[in-house]
Amino acid sequence: MKLKIGVLGVGRLGKIHLKCLKTIPAYEVTGFYDPDPGTAREVVEEFEIPAFSDYQSLIESCDAVDIVAPTTAHFELAAYAVRAGKHVFIEKPLTHTLTEAEELIDLVRKNQVKVQVGHVERFNPAFLALEGIPLAPMFVEAHRLSNFNPRGTDVSVILDLMIHDIDVLLHLVPFDVKEIHASGVAVVSDSADVANARIEFVNGCVANLTASRLSLKQMRKIRLFQRDAYISMDFLEKTTQIIRLHDKTEDVRVDHSKFMELETPRGVKMLEINTPESVPVNAIQRELETFAEAILFNRPIPVTIGEGYRALKIAHQIIETIDQQR
């Protein structure tokens, strides 16, 4: 059985989704909808799939939809699809406002459809390399810097970029948020283009997140500090490095070439430097594959609507804190 799926929004990211969907055996791409006639003509020629004149007709003809439209359109498109009993993959952020997200969650509950949120970094090889590794971070530092692109300025840099790291952070630190401090500056758009947030959790963990869409270089890194270990993830390079301290007398059954002695206030320790092998994965393709698997084989959704809502809620708390300062 193949899932009939339609794509709503075929801008830069939407085209990437289309390419992935056409290579996944579980899907049959019914068509797409985009309000821009020029873009629609280009996609018809490039992908040889039909363009629909309205999103309602496309949704009615599918089993599921992939929403890659601007954030401000997410709720309207997703709500229509859910009411029609269709499964929904929706790019991050879940919706533009928290009220929309809450109403959408209620609709999903009533209509019993599956919804997956496109927090793609969960499928990045750098993140996947941490599977099975004990994690208990007490300090987290994230930097997500990007060149300016007018495409994302319909929302603040928090909803455009920082929300990726908010989602990863909430997944790594399974505790309630205690307090948020934030600052930001609107330089070329009406909302913050550069922002920093300090998030404190009830277990004592502190996270420092920085996002900018005005950088001359690109960076997507998260560093985790926990007792006797330092973990670094580079989402651009798709690499992970784990540096861990062991007692010198500890029986470490690993490659001793990865160890070096280190003098510390607690005595001589063995410093282990480990670079887990990253499995080559197309993150967008993999998240779309898991969406199909959840529907066809009733498997768990890897990024649920509830997780998408929690990331959105923290993002809005950061935005409100910045707005109060301004």
C-alpha atoms as a PDB file:
ATOM      1  CA  MET A   1       0.000   0.000   0.000  1.00  0.00           C
ATOM      2  CA  LYS A   2       1.219   3.492  -0.882  1.00  0.00           C
ATOM      3  CA  LEU A   3       0.302   6.694   0.877  1.00  0.00           C
ATOM      4  CA  LYS A   4      -1.091   9.383  -1.370  1.00  0.00           C
ATOM      5  CA  ILE A   5       0.583  12.591  -0.231  1.00  0.00           C
ATOM      6  CA  GLY A   6       0.365  16.200  -1.365  1.00  0.00           C
ATOM      7  CA  VAL A   7       2.817  19.016  -0.714  1.00  0.00           C
ATOM      8  CA  LEU A   8       1.564  22.421   0.388  1.00  0.00           C
ATOM      9  CA  GLY A   9       4.185  25.031  -0.432  1.00  0.00           C
ATOM     10  CA  VAL A  10       7.011  24.404  -2.894  1.00  0.00           C
ATOM     11  CA  GLY A  11       9.554  27.100  -2.187  1.00  0.00           C
ATOM     12  CA  ARG A  12      13.195  26.198  -1.615  1.00  0.00           C
ATOM     13  CA  LEU A  13      12.483  23.752   1.223  1.00  0.00           C
ATOM     14  CA  GLY A  14       9.292  22.466  -0.377  1.00  0.00           C
ATOM     15  CA  LYS A  15      11.227  21.410  -3.466  1.00  0.00           C
ATOM     16  CA  ILE A  16      13.680  19.500  -1.287  1.00  0.00           C
ATOM     17  CA  HIS A  17      10.739  17.712   0.309  1.00  0.00           C
ATOM     18  CA  LEU A  18       9.341  16.861  -3.121  1.00  0.00           C
ATOM     19  CA  LYS A  19      12.644  15.357  -4.221  1.00  0.00           C
ATOM     20  CA  CYS A  20      12.764  13.201  -1.093  1.00  0.00           C
ATOM     21  CA  LEU A  21       9.140  12.106  -1.316  1.00  0.00           C
ATOM     22  CA  LYS A  22       9.592  10.937  -4.912  1.00  0.00           C
ATOM     23  CA  THR A  23      12.403   8.588  -3.812  1.00  0.00           C
ATOM     24  CA  ILE A  24      10.509   7.016  -0.886  1.00  0.00           C
ATOM     25  CA  PRO A  25       8.650   3.850  -1.996  1.00  0.00           C
ATOM     26  CA  ALA A  26       5.938   4.301   0.646  1.00  0.00           C
ATOM     27  CA  TYR A  27       4.621   7.457  -1.028  1.00  0.00           C
ATOM     28  CA  GLU A  28       2.710   8.338  -4.152  1.00  0.00           C
ATOM     29  CA  VAL A  29       2.932  12.088  -4.698  1.00  0.00           C
ATOM     30  CA  THR A  30      -0.540  13.206  -5.792  1.00  0.00           C
ATOM     31  CA  GLY A  31       0.458  16.783  -6.507  1.00  0.00           C
ATOM     32  CA  PHE A  32       1.174  20.109  -4.881  1.00  0.00           C
ATOM     33  CA  TYR A  33      -0.321  23.504  -4.193  1.00  0.00           C
ATOM     34  CA  ASP A  34       1.503  26.830  -4.207  1.00  0.00           C
ATOM     35  CA  PRO A  35      -0.199  30.234  -4.525  1.00  0.00           C
ATOM     36  CA  ASP A  36       2.617  31.594  -6.727  1.00  0.00           C
ATOM     37  CA  PRO A  37       1.803  30.804 -10.393  1.00  0.00           C
ATOM     38  CA  GLY A  38       5.419  31.180 -11.512  1.00  0.00           C
ATOM     39  CA  THR A  39       6.699  28.776  -8.870  1.00  0.00           C
ATOM     40  CA  ALA A  40       3.912  26.334  -9.702  1.00  0.00           C
ATOM     41  CA  ARG A  41       4.853  26.296 -13.399  1.00  0.00           C
ATOM     42  CA  GLU A  42       8.528  25.678 -12.565  1.00  0.00           C
ATOM     43  CA  VAL A  43       7.699  22.750 -10.282  1.00  0.00           C
ATOM     44  CA  VAL A  44       5.351  21.143 -12.804  1.00  0.00           C
ATOM     45  CA  GLU A  45       8.128  21.219 -15.402  1.00  0.00           C
ATOM     46  CA  GLU A  46      10.868  20.037 -13.028  1.00  0.00           C
ATOM     47  CA  PHE A  47       9.014  17.296 -11.155  1.00  0.00           C
ATOM     48  CA  GLU A  48       6.314  16.359 -13.659  1.00  0.00           C
ATOM     49  CA  ILE A  49       3.579  16.277 -11.049  1.00  0.00           C
ATOM     50  CA  PRO A  50       0.264  18.146 -11.172  1.00  0.00           C
ATOM     51  CA  ALA A  51      -0.349  21.538  -9.600  1.00  0.00           C
ATOM     52  CA  PHE A  52      -3.690  22.022  -7.848  1.00  0.00           C
ATOM     53  CA  SER A  53      -5.487  25.357  -8.120  1.00  0.00           C
ATOM     54  CA  ASP A  54      -6.517  25.355  -4.443  1.00  0.00           C
ATOM     55  CA  TYR A  55      -5.272  23.602  -1.324  1.00  0.00           C
ATOM     56  CA  GLN A  56      -8.697  22.202  -0.467  1.00  0.00           C
ATOM     57  CA  SER A  57      -8.835  20.064  -3.624  1.00  0.00           C
ATOM     58  CA  LEU A  58      -5.318  18.735  -3.032  1.00  0.00           C
ATOM     59  CA  ILE A  59      -6.041  17.823   0.581  1.00  0.00           C
ATOM     60  CA  GLU A  60      -9.254  16.024  -0.348  1.00  0.00           C
ATOM     61  CA  SER A  61      -7.380  13.883  -2.918  1.00  0.00           C
ATOM     62  CA  CYS A  62      -4.682  12.649  -0.471  1.00  0.00           C
ATOM     63  CA  ASP A  63      -4.203  10.395   2.534  1.00  0.00           C
ATOM     64  CA  ALA A  64      -1.654  12.786   4.023  1.00  0.00           C
ATOM     65  CA  VAL A  65      -0.162  16.223   3.427  1.00  0.00           C
ATOM     66  CA  ASP A  66       3.300  17.711   3.828  1.00  0.00           C
ATOM     67  CA  ILE A  67       3.027  21.377   4.878  1.00  0.00           C
ATOM     68  CA  VAL A  68       6.097  23.386   3.867  1.00  0.00           C
ATOM     69  CA  ALA A  69       4.313  26.727   3.522  1.00  0.00           C
ATOM     70  CA  PRO A  70       5.238  29.934   5.403  1.00  0.00           C
ATOM     71  CA  THR A  71       4.646  29.654   9.160  1.00  0.00           C
ATOM     72  CA  THR A  72       1.761  32.120   9.063  1.00  0.00           C
ATOM     73  CA  ALA A  73      -0.195  29.671   6.849  1.00  0.00           C
ATOM     74  CA  HIS A  74       0.478  26.538   8.912  1.00  0.00           C
ATOM     75  CA  PHE A  75      -2.656  26.605  11.025  1.00  0.00           C
ATOM     76  CA  GLU A  76      -5.120  27.243   8.195  1.00  0.00           C
ATOM     77  CA  LEU A  77      -3.686  24.411   6.085  1.00  0.00           C
ATOM     78  CA  ALA A  78      -3.203  21.931   8.929  1.00  0.00           C
ATOM     79  CA  ALA A  79      -6.621  22.577  10.462  1.00  0.00           C
ATOM     80  CA  TYR A  80      -8.354  21.944   7.143  1.00  0.00           C
ATOM     81  CA  ALA A  81      -6.398  18.726   6.619  1.00  0.00           C
ATOM     82  CA  VAL A  82      -7.067  17.431  10.140  1.00  0.00           C
ATOM     83  CA  ARG A  83     -10.793  18.181   9.863  1.00  0.00           C
ATOM     84  CA  ALA A  84     -10.755  16.223   6.598  1.00  0.00           C
ATOM     85  CA  GLY A  85      -9.250  13.243   8.433  1.00  0.00           C
ATOM     86  CA  LYS A  86      -5.831  13.492   6.780  1.00  0.00           C
ATOM     87  CA  HIS A  87      -2.473  12.801   8.408  1.00  0.00           C
ATOM     88  CA  VAL A  88      -0.176  15.833   8.558  1.00  0.00           C
ATOM     89  CA  PHE A  89       3.558  16.404   8.401  1.00  0.00           C
ATOM     90  CA  ILE A  90       4.135  20.057   9.278  1.00  0.00           C
ATOM     91  CA  GLU A  91       7.426  21.915   9.123  1.00  0.00           C
ATOM     92  CA  LYS A  92       8.657  23.707  12.225  1.00  0.00           C
ATOM     93  CA  PRO A  93       7.481  25.812  13.909  1.00  0.00           C
ATOM     94  CA  LEU A  94       4.176  24.025  14.483  1.00  0.00           C
ATOM     95  CA  THR A  95       2.096  27.201  14.067  1.00  0.00           C
ATOM     96  CA  HIS A  96       2.580  30.948  14.224  1.00  0.00           C
ATOM     97  CA  THR A  97       0.849  31.439  17.597  1.00  0.00           C
ATOM     98  CA  LEU A  98       0.301  29.352  20.716  1.00  0.00           C
ATOM     99  CA  THR A  99      -3.476  29.777  20.421  1.00  0.00           C
ATOM    100  CA  GLU A 100      -3.354  28.226  16.956  1.00  0.00           C
ATOM    101  CA  ALA A 101      -1.218  25.362  18.255  1.00  0.00           C
ATOM    102  CA  GLU A 102      -3.630  24.662  21.118  1.00  0.00           C
ATOM    103  CA  GLU A 103      -6.619  24.630  18.770  1.00  0.00           C
ATOM    104  CA  LEU A 104      -4.769  22.335  16.366  1.00  0.00           C
ATOM    105  CA  ILE A 105      -3.906  19.895  19.179  1.00  0.00           C
ATOM    106  CA  ASP A 106      -7.596  19.789  20.112  1.00  0.00           C
ATOM    107  CA  LEU A 107      -8.568  19.103  16.481  1.00  0.00           C
ATOM    108  CA  VAL A 108      -6.017  16.293  16.216  1.00  0.00           C
ATOM    109  CA  ARG A 109      -7.342  14.712  19.400  1.00  0.00           C
ATOM    110  CA  LYS A 110     -10.914  14.816  18.079  1.00  0.00           C
ATOM    111  CA  ASN A 111     -10.089  13.505  14.585  1.00  0.00           C
ATOM    112  CA  GLN A 112      -7.552  10.830  15.588  1.00  0.00           C
ATOM    113  CA  VAL A 113      -4.992  11.545  12.851  1.00  0.00           C
ATOM    114  CA  LYS A 114      -1.215  11.418  13.052  1.00  0.00           C
ATOM    115  CA  VAL A 115       0.766  14.661  13.063  1.00  0.00           C
ATOM    116  CA  GLN A 116       4.563  14.918  12.912  1.00  0.00           C
ATOM    117  CA  VAL A 117       6.486  18.175  13.338  1.00  0.00           C
ATOM    118  CA  GLY A 118       9.543  18.767  11.145  1.00  0.00           C
ATOM    119  CA  HIS A 119      12.259  19.364  13.716  1.00  0.00           C
ATOM    120  CA  VAL A 120      14.853  17.986  11.338  1.00  0.00           C
ATOM    121  CA  GLU A 121      17.902  18.163  13.630  1.00  0.00           C
ATOM    122  CA  ARG A 122      16.550  15.121  15.480  1.00  0.00           C
ATOM    123  CA  PHE A 123      17.559  13.167  12.365  1.00  0.00           C
ATOM    124  CA  ASN A 124      20.953  14.796  11.892  1.00  0.00           C
ATOM    125  CA  PRO A 125      23.800  12.226  12.011  1.00  0.00           C
ATOM    126  CA  ALA A 126      25.516  14.324  14.715  1.00  0.00           C
ATOM    127  CA  PHE A 127      22.472  13.934  16.967  1.00  0.00           C
ATOM    128  CA  LEU A 128      21.861  10.278  16.066  1.00  0.00           C
ATOM    129  CA  ALA A 129      25.462   9.480  17.076  1.00  0.00           C
ATOM    130  CA  LEU A 130      24.482  10.096  20.723  1.00  0.00           C
ATOM    131  CA  GLU A 131      22.031   7.188  20.771  1.00  0.00           C
ATOM    132  CA  GLY A 132      22.826   4.896  23.695  1.00  0.00           C
ATOM    133  CA  ILE A 133      25.229   7.361  25.344  1.00  0.00           C
ATOM    134  CA  PRO A 134      24.323   8.360  28.934  1.00  0.00           C
ATOM    135  CA  LEU A 135      23.455  12.056  28.974  1.00  0.00           C
ATOM    136  CA  ALA A 136      22.907  14.316  31.969  1.00  0.00           C
ATOM    137  CA  PRO A 137      23.989  17.803  30.824  1.00  0.00           C
ATOM    138  CA  MET A 138      24.200  20.566  33.401  1.00  0.00           C
ATOM    139  CA  PHE A 139      25.338  23.301  31.012  1.00  0.00           C
ATOM    140  CA  VAL A 140      24.428  23.570  27.336  1.00  0.00           C
ATOM    141  CA  GLU A 141      25.741  26.090  24.834  1.00  0.00           C
ATOM    142  CA  ALA A 142      24.261  26.420  21.337  1.00  0.00           C
ATOM    143  CA  HIS A 143      25.209  28.688  18.426  1.00  0.00           C
ATOM    144  CA  ARG A 144      23.119  28.821  15.264  1.00  0.00           C
ATOM    145  CA  LEU A 145      24.395  31.481  12.872  1.00  0.00           C
ATOM    146  CA  SER A 146      23.219  32.015   9.316  1.00  0.00           C
ATOM    147  CA  ASN A 147      23.659  34.435   6.425  1.00  0.00           C
ATOM    148  CA  PHE A 148      20.791  36.840   5.865  1.00  0.00           C
ATOM    149  CA  ASN A 149      17.946  35.497   3.740  1.00  0.00           C
ATOM    150  CA  PRO A 150      14.720  37.519   3.349  1.00  0.00           C
ATOM    151  CA  ARG A 151      12.824  34.216   3.083  1.00  0.00           C
ATOM    152  CA  GLY A 152      12.667  33.707   6.852  1.00  0.00           C
ATOM    153  CA  THR A 153      11.846  37.241   7.985  1.00  0.00           C
ATOM    154  CA  ASP A 154       8.095  36.623   8.272  1.00  0.00           C
ATOM    155  CA  VAL A 155       8.956  35.420  11.804  1.00  0.00           C
ATOM    156  CA  SER A 156      11.633  36.320  14.353  1.00  0.00           C
ATOM    157  CA  VAL A 157      15.010  34.579  14.445  1.00  0.00           C
ATOM    158  CA  ILE A 158      13.729  32.627  17.453  1.00  0.00           C
ATOM    159  CA  LEU A 159      11.000  30.929  15.404  1.00  0.00           C
ATOM    160  CA  ASP A 160      13.162  30.783  12.287  1.00  0.00           C
ATOM    161  CA  LEU A 161      16.447  29.399  13.700  1.00  0.00           C
ATOM    162  CA  MET A 162      16.647  29.134  17.480  1.00  0.00           C
ATOM    163  CA  ILE A 163      13.624  26.827  17.692  1.00  0.00           C
ATOM    164  CA  HIS A 164      15.796  24.025  16.235  1.00  0.00           C
ATOM    165  CA  ASP A 165      18.059  24.200  19.278  1.00  0.00           C
ATOM    166  CA  ILE A 166      15.132  24.662  21.660  1.00  0.00           C
ATOM    167  CA  ASP A 167      13.677  21.358  20.437  1.00  0.00           C
ATOM    168  CA  VAL A 168      17.004  19.519  20.761  1.00  0.00           C
ATOM    169  CA  LEU A 169      17.540  21.040  24.219  1.00  0.00           C
ATOM    170  CA  LEU A 170      14.101  19.975  25.485  1.00  0.00           C
ATOM    171  CA  HIS A 171      14.769  16.461  24.203  1.00  0.00           C
ATOM    172  CA  LEU A 172      18.148  16.272  25.951  1.00  0.00           C
ATOM    173  CA  VAL A 173      17.020  17.817  29.248  1.00  0.00           C
ATOM    174  CA  PRO A 174      13.747  16.133  30.323  1.00  0.00           C
ATOM    175  CA  PHE A 175      12.896  18.613  33.070  1.00  0.00           C
ATOM    176  CA  ASP A 176      10.565  21.589  33.408  1.00  0.00           C
ATOM    177  CA  VAL A 177      11.871  25.048  32.616  1.00  0.00           C
ATOM    178  CA  LYS A 178      12.265  27.220  35.706  1.00  0.00           C
ATOM    179  CA  GLU A 179      13.262  30.600  34.296  1.00  0.00           C
ATOM    180  CA  ILE A 180      14.100  32.324  31.010  1.00  0.00           C
ATOM    181  CA  HIS A 181      16.227  35.423  30.397  1.00  0.00           C
ATOM    182  CA  ALA A 182      16.612  36.752  26.860  1.00  0.00           C
ATOM    183  CA  SER A 183      17.703  39.690  24.752  1.00  0.00           C
ATOM    184  CA  GLY A 184      17.486  40.406  21.053  1.00  0.00           C
ATOM    185  CA  VAL A 185      17.892  43.061  18.400  1.00  0.00           C
ATOM    186  CA  ALA A 186      15.872  43.781  15.259  1.00  0.00           C
ATOM    187  CA  VAL A 187      18.433  45.012  12.731  1.00  0.00           C
ATOM    188  CA  VAL A 188      16.987  44.613   9.238  1.00  0.00           C
ATOM    189  CA  SER A 189      13.481  43.249   9.892  1.00  0.00           C
ATOM    190  CA  ASP A 190      10.585  44.077  12.211  1.00  0.00           C
ATOM    191  CA  SER A 191      11.402  41.266  14.644  1.00  0.00           C
ATOM    192  CA  ALA A 192      14.613  40.081  16.304  1.00  0.00           C
ATOM    193  CA  ASP A 193      17.383  39.109  13.865  1.00  0.00           C
ATOM    194  CA  VAL A 194      19.931  38.355  16.595  1.00  0.00           C
ATOM    195  CA  ALA A 195      18.942  36.816  19.924  1.00  0.00           C
ATOM    196  CA  ASN A 196      20.339  35.156  23.013  1.00  0.00           C
ATOM    197  CA  ALA A 197      18.402  33.165  25.603  1.00  0.00           C
ATOM    198  CA  ARG A 198      19.421  31.729  28.946  1.00  0.00           C
ATOM    199  CA  ILE A 199      17.123  28.873  29.973  1.00  0.00           C
ATOM    200  CA  GLU A 200      17.258  27.448  33.500  1.00  0.00           C
ATOM    201  CA  PHE A 201      15.704  24.056  34.311  1.00  0.00           C
ATOM    202  CA  VAL A 202      14.388  22.876  37.673  1.00  0.00           C
ATOM    203  CA  ASN A 203      17.190  20.281  37.931  1.00  0.00           C
ATOM    204  CA  GLY A 204      19.825  23.052  37.802  1.00  0.00           C
ATOM    205  CA  CYS A 205      20.801  22.695  34.146  1.00  0.00           C
ATOM    206  CA  VAL A 206      21.440  26.003  32.385  1.00  0.00           C
ATOM    207  CA  ALA A 207      21.374  26.485  28.603  1.00  0.00           C
ATOM    208  CA  ASN A 208      22.737  29.445  26.693  1.00  0.00           C
ATOM    209  CA  LEU A 209      21.306  29.685  23.150  1.00  0.00           C
ATOM    210  CA  THR A 210      22.437  32.198  20.514  1.00  0.00           C
ATOM    211  CA  ALA A 211      20.878  32.642  17.083  1.00  0.00           C
ATOM    212  CA  SER A 212      21.656  35.113  14.321  1.00  0.00           C
ATOM    213  CA  ARG A 213      20.567  35.473  10.707  1.00  0.00           C
ATOM    214  CA  LEU A 214      23.043  38.285  10.068  1.00  0.00           C
ATOM    215  CA  SER A 215      26.282  36.340  10.304  1.00  0.00           C
ATOM    216  CA  LEU A 216      29.106  36.324   7.768  1.00  0.00           C
ATOM    217  CA  LYS A 217      29.648  32.630   8.479  1.00  0.00           C
ATOM    218  CA  GLN A 218      27.353  29.716   9.165  1.00  0.00           C
ATOM    219  CA  MET A 219      27.457  27.735  12.387  1.00  0.00           C
ATOM    220  CA  ARG A 220      25.193  25.105  13.921  1.00  0.00           C
ATOM    221  CA  LYS A 221      26.833  23.732  17.059  1.00  0.00           C
ATOM    222  CA  ILE A 222      25.676  22.482  20.446  1.00  0.00           C
ATOM    223  CA  ARG A 223      28.043  21.733  23.327  1.00  0.00           C
ATOM    224  CA  LEU A 224      27.009  19.711  26.371  1.00  0.00           C
ATOM    225  CA  PHE A 225      28.879  19.776  29.681  1.00  0.00           C
ATOM    226  CA  GLN A 226      28.167  17.163  32.304  1.00  0.00           C
ATOM    227  CA  ARG A 227      30.088  15.570  35.147  1.00  0.00           C
ATOM    228  CA  ASP A 228      33.289  14.054  33.727  1.00  0.00           C
ATOM    229  CA  ALA A 229      32.244  14.611  30.100  1.00  0.00           C
ATOM    230  CA  TYR A 230      32.124  17.205  27.329  1.00  0.00           C
ATOM    231  CA  ILE A 231      30.087  16.498  24.188  1.00  0.00           C
ATOM    232  CA  SER A 232      30.144  18.580  21.027  1.00  0.00           C
ATOM    233  CA  MET A 233      27.751  18.272  18.082  1.00  0.00           C
ATOM    234  CA  ASP A 234      28.334  20.054  14.781  1.00  0.00           C
ATOM    235  CA  PHE A 235      25.099  19.892  12.805  1.00  0.00           C
ATOM    236  CA  LEU A 236      26.672  21.447   9.713  1.00  0.00           C
ATOM    237  CA  GLU A 237      29.590  19.022   9.550  1.00  0.00           C
ATOM    238  CA  LYS A 238      27.392  16.191  10.923  1.00  0.00           C
ATOM    239  CA  THR A 239      30.060  15.195  13.442  1.00  0.00           C
ATOM    240  CA  THR A 240      30.105  14.479  17.166  1.00  0.00           C
ATOM    241  CA  GLN A 241      32.969  14.443  19.645  1.00  0.00           C
ATOM    242  CA  ILE A 242      32.820  13.050  23.163  1.00  0.00           C
ATOM    243  CA  ILE A 243      35.560  13.818  25.693  1.00  0.00           C
ATOM    244  CA  ARG A 244      35.223  11.883  28.919  1.00  0.00           C
ATOM    245  CA  LEU A 245      37.278  11.593  32.115  1.00  0.00           C
ATOM    246  CA  HIS A 246      37.977   8.194  33.703  1.00  0.00           C
ATOM    247  CA  ASP A 247      39.816   7.265  36.880  1.00  0.00           C
ATOM    248  CA  LYS A 248      43.287   6.022  36.054  1.00  0.00           C
ATOM    249  CA  THR A 249      42.585   2.751  37.846  1.00  0.00           C
ATOM    250  CA  GLU A 250      39.286   2.275  36.071  1.00  0.00           C
ATOM    251  CA  ASP A 251      39.121  -0.761  33.819  1.00  0.00           C
ATOM    252  CA  VAL A 252      38.280   0.876  30.506  1.00  0.00           C
ATOM    253  CA  ARG A 253      37.639  -1.722  27.839  1.00  0.00           C
ATOM    254  CA  VAL A 254      38.158   0.505  24.821  1.00  0.00           C
ATOM    255  CA  ASP A 255      40.932   1.433  22.421  1.00  0.00           C
ATOM    256  CA  HIS A 256      43.703   2.786  24.681  1.00  0.00           C
ATOM    257  CA  SER A 257      45.112   4.820  21.805  1.00  0.00           C
ATOM    258  CA  LYS A 258      42.227   7.216  22.442  1.00  0.00           C
ATOM    259  CA  PHE A 259      43.442   7.956  25.982  1.00  0.00           C
ATOM    260  CA  MET A 260      45.880  10.426  27.486  1.00  0.00           C
ATOM    261  CA  GLU A 261      46.773  11.209  31.086  1.00  0.00           C
ATOM    262  CA  LEU A 262      45.523  14.447  32.621  1.00  0.00           C
ATOM    263  CA  GLU A 263      46.494  16.020  35.949  1.00  0.00           C
ATOM    264  CA  THR A 264      43.394  17.289  37.789  1.00  0.00           C
ATOM    265  CA  PRO A 265      42.690  18.583  41.334  1.00  0.00           C
ATOM    266  CA  ARG A 266      41.213  15.137  41.968  1.00  0.00           C
ATOM    267  CA  GLY A 267      44.355  13.331  40.879  1.00  0.00           C
ATOM    268  CA  VAL A 268      45.515  11.813  37.606  1.00  0.00           C
ATOM    269  CA  LYS A 269      42.651  11.030  35.228  1.00  0.00           C
ATOM    270  CA  MET A 270      42.488   9.342  31.860  1.00  0.00           C
ATOM    271  CA  LEU A 271      41.105  11.579  29.147  1.00  0.00           C
ATOM    272  CA  GLU A 272      39.185   9.670  26.476  1.00  0.00           C
ATOM    273  CA  ILE A 273      38.585  11.378  23.142  1.00  0.00           C
ATOM    274  CA  ASN A 274      35.965   9.603  21.084  1.00  0.00           C
ATOM    275  CA  THR A 275      34.440  10.531  17.734  1.00  0.00           C
ATOM    276  CA  PRO A 276      31.447   8.261  17.163  1.00  0.00           C
ATOM    277  CA  GLU A 277      30.991   7.188  13.576  1.00  0.00           C
ATOM    278  CA  SER A 278      28.207   9.174  11.938  1.00  0.00           C
ATOM    279  CA  VAL A 279      25.852   7.152   9.791  1.00  0.00           C
ATOM    280  CA  PRO A 280      25.263   9.005   6.516  1.00  0.00           C
ATOM    281  CA  VAL A 281      21.605   9.996   6.589  1.00  0.00           C
ATOM    282  CA  ASN A 282      19.536  12.432   4.571  1.00  0.00           C
ATOM    283  CA  ALA A 283      17.771  13.965   7.569  1.00  0.00           C
ATOM    284  CA  ILE A 284      14.756  15.310   5.654  1.00  0.00           C
ATOM    285  CA  GLN A 285      14.260  12.026   3.816  1.00  0.00           C
ATOM    286  CA  ARG A 286      14.525  10.072   7.061  1.00  0.00           C
ATOM    287  CA  GLU A 287      11.955  12.195   8.892  1.00  0.00           C
ATOM    288  CA  LEU A 288       9.528  11.757   5.987  1.00  0.00           C
ATOM    289  CA  GLU A 289      10.182   8.004   6.012  1.00  0.00           C
ATOM    290  CA  THR A 290       9.375   7.819   9.732  1.00  0.00           C
ATOM    291  CA  PHE A 291       6.129   9.704   9.079  1.00  0.00           C
ATOM    292  CA  ALA A 292       5.074   7.038   6.562  1.00  0.00           C
ATOM    293  CA  GLU A 293       6.128   4.243   8.928  1.00  0.00           C
ATOM    294  CA  ALA A 294       4.039   5.758  11.723  1.00  0.00           C
ATOM    295  CA  ILE A 295       0.950   5.762   9.513  1.00  0.00           C
ATOM    296  CA  LEU A 296       1.383   2.437   7.697  1.00  0.00           C
ATOM    297  CA  PHE A 297       2.724   0.367  10.620  1.00  0.00           C
ATOM    298  CA  ASN A 298       1.256   2.335  13.557  1.00  0.00           C
ATOM    299  CA  ARG A 299       4.701   3.186  14.879  1.00  0.00           C
ATOM    300  CA  PRO A 300       5.321   6.057  17.325  1.00  0.00           C
ATOM    301  CA  ILE A 301       5.658   9.540  15.870  1.00  0.00           C
ATOM    302  CA  PRO A 302       9.310  10.569  16.483  1.00  0.00           C
ATOM    303  CA  VAL A 303       8.504  14.280  16.898  1.00  0.00           C
ATOM    304  CA  THR A 304       4.975  14.627  18.219  1.00  0.00           C
ATOM    305  CA  ILE A 305       2.637  17.588  18.065  1.00  0.00           C
ATOM    306  CA  GLY A 306       3.038  17.878  21.848  1.00  0.00           C
ATOM    307  CA  GLU A 307       6.815  18.229  21.481  1.00  0.00           C
ATOM    308  CA  GLY A 308       6.320  20.766  18.709  1.00  0.00           C
ATOM    309  CA  TYR A 309       4.005  22.722  20.994  1.00  0.00           C
ATOM    310  CA  ARG A 310       6.460  22.682  23.905  1.00  0.00           C
ATOM    311  CA  ALA A 311       9.274  24.040  21.700  1.00  0.00           C
ATOM    312  CA  LEU A 312       6.908  26.700  20.349  1.00  0.00           C
ATOM    313  CA  LYS A 313       5.840  27.684  23.873  1.00  0.00           C
ATOM    314  CA  ILE A 314       9.447  28.203  25.019  1.00  0.00           C
ATOM    315  CA  ALA A 315      10.155  30.148  21.807  1.00  0.00           C
ATOM    316  CA  HIS A 316       7.245  32.490  22.499  1.00  0.00           C
ATOM    317  CA  GLN A 317       8.345  32.988  26.088  1.00  0.00           C
ATOM    318  CA  ILE A 318      11.727  34.080  24.738  1.00  0.00           C
ATOM    319  CA  ILE A 319      10.046  36.422  22.231  1.00  0.00           C
ATOM    320  CA  GLU A 320       7.845  37.935  24.970  1.00  0.00           C
ATOM    321  CA  THR A 321      10.883  38.518  27.202  1.00  0.00           C
ATOM    322  CA  ILE A 322      12.670  40.344  24.367  1.00  0.00           C
ATOM    323  CA  ASP A 323       9.562  42.381  23.493  1.00  0.00           C
ATOM    324  CA  GLN A 324       9.186  43.510  27.107  1.00  0.00           C
ATOM    325  CA  GLN A 325      12.747  44.844  27.043  1.00  0.00           C
ATOM    326  CA  ARG A 326      12.140  46.671  23.765  1.00  0.00           C
END
